[in-house]
Protein backbone atom coordinates (compact mmCIF):
# COMPACT_ATOMS: atom_id res chain seq x y z
CA MET A 1 4.18 -18.72 -9.97
CA LYS A 2 2.75 -16.71 -13.10
CA VAL A 3 -0.40 -17.28 -11.56
CA VAL A 4 -0.03 -15.26 -8.31
CA PHE A 5 1.83 -12.50 -10.63
CA GLY A 6 -1.17 -12.26 -12.65
CA ALA A 7 -3.38 -11.94 -9.55
CA VAL A 8 -1.01 -9.73 -7.65
CA LEU A 9 -1.05 -7.81 -10.80
CA ALA A 10 -4.87 -7.16 -10.68
CA ALA A 11 -5.10 -6.59 -7.16
CA GLY A 12 -2.80 -3.68 -7.73
CA MET A 13 -4.88 -2.18 -10.52
CA ALA A 14 -8.01 -3.13 -8.68
CA ILE A 15 -5.51 -0.57 -6.09
CA GLY A 16 -4.96 1.48 -8.71
CA VAL A 17 -8.38 2.31 -9.67
CA ALA A 18 -10.28 3.46 -6.30
CA ALA A 19 -10.52 7.56 -6.08
CA PRO A 20 -8.17 9.05 -4.10
CA ALA A 21 -9.16 10.94 -1.09
CA ALA A 22 -8.29 13.95 1.64
CA ALA A 23 -4.91 13.43 3.57
CA ASP A 24 -5.68 11.62 6.44
CA GLU A 25 -2.95 9.58 8.80
CA SER A 26 -4.61 9.73 11.19
CA GLY A 27 -7.63 7.63 9.43
CA TYR A 28 -4.73 5.38 7.53
CA LEU A 29 -3.30 4.59 10.97
CA THR A 30 -6.24 3.27 12.61
CA GLU A 31 -7.35 1.13 9.59
CA LEU A 32 -3.92 -0.50 9.12
CA ALA A 33 -2.24 -0.93 13.39
CA PRO A 34 -5.17 -4.30 14.06
CA ARG A 35 -4.32 -5.56 10.60
CA LEU A 36 -0.07 -4.78 10.88
CA THR A 37 0.40 -5.68 14.66
CA SER A 38 3.86 -5.71 13.97
CA LEU A 39 4.73 -3.04 12.36
CA SER A 40 4.96 0.23 14.15
CA PRO A 41 3.45 3.62 13.45
CA GLN A 42 6.13 4.78 12.25
CA GLN A 43 7.09 2.29 9.75
CA LEU A 44 3.38 2.01 8.58
CA SER A 45 3.10 5.97 7.76
CA ALA A 46 6.80 6.62 6.75
CA GLU A 47 5.60 3.07 3.84
CA GLY A 48 2.11 4.70 3.15
CA HIS A 49 4.09 7.79 1.89
CA LYS A 50 6.91 6.54 0.12
CA VAL A 51 3.99 4.73 -2.00
CA CYS A 52 2.34 8.18 -2.45
CA ARG A 53 5.57 8.94 -3.58
CA TYR A 54 5.78 6.63 -5.91
CA VAL A 55 2.94 6.38 -7.43
CA GLY A 56 2.71 10.09 -7.73
CA ALA A 57 5.95 10.04 -9.78
CA GLY A 58 3.78 8.07 -12.45
CA ARG A 59 4.22 4.02 -11.50
CA PRO A 60 1.49 1.96 -11.41
CA THR A 61 0.42 0.97 -7.86
CA ALA A 62 0.90 -2.71 -8.84
CA ASP A 63 4.44 -1.93 -9.40
CA ALA A 64 4.46 -1.19 -5.64
CA ILE A 65 3.91 -4.40 -3.94
CA PRO A 66 7.33 -5.72 -4.61
CA MET A 67 8.70 -2.55 -3.35
CA VAL A 68 6.21 -2.47 0.07
CA MET A 69 7.00 -6.39 0.66
CA ASN A 70 10.73 -6.14 0.56
CA ASP A 71 10.73 -2.62 2.34
CA LEU A 72 8.97 -3.71 5.31
CA LYS A 73 9.12 -7.79 5.39
CA THR A 74 5.41 -8.48 4.55
CA THR A 75 3.14 -11.14 2.64
CA VAL A 76 1.43 -9.57 -1.04
CA ALA A 77 -1.75 -9.12 1.60
CA GLY A 78 0.17 -6.80 4.27
CA ALA A 79 1.74 -4.70 1.15
CA MET A 80 -2.04 -4.57 -0.72
CA TYR A 81 -3.82 -3.44 2.66
CA ILE A 82 -1.09 -0.67 2.88
CA ILE A 83 -1.06 0.50 -1.01
CA SER A 84 -4.61 0.72 -1.37
CA ALA A 85 -4.89 2.10 2.23
CA SER A 86 -1.93 5.05 1.35
CA MET A 87 -4.14 5.99 -1.82
CA ARG A 88 -7.44 6.17 0.08
CA GLU A 89 -6.17 8.18 3.28
CA LEU A 90 -2.72 10.14 2.87
CA CYS A 91 -2.19 10.58 -1.50
């Protein structure tokens, strides 16, 4: 369990160092739709904006992983895709 937590924490920290870009919802959805086919564009969009608000409030991206997993019932990998794309395309 500690190994998994450490891996998730390290991955979240790596996501946190990505440079933010201009908001591009279309690019965000285009990037995620092929990987997360069980989620609607509305779900992905809402969660992406929630991630931006969460991180924008000063919280670490690693802390957003369980939030996304719980909200969308997705895997760690799915949550990381969403967080990473959100940071690049929406925030």
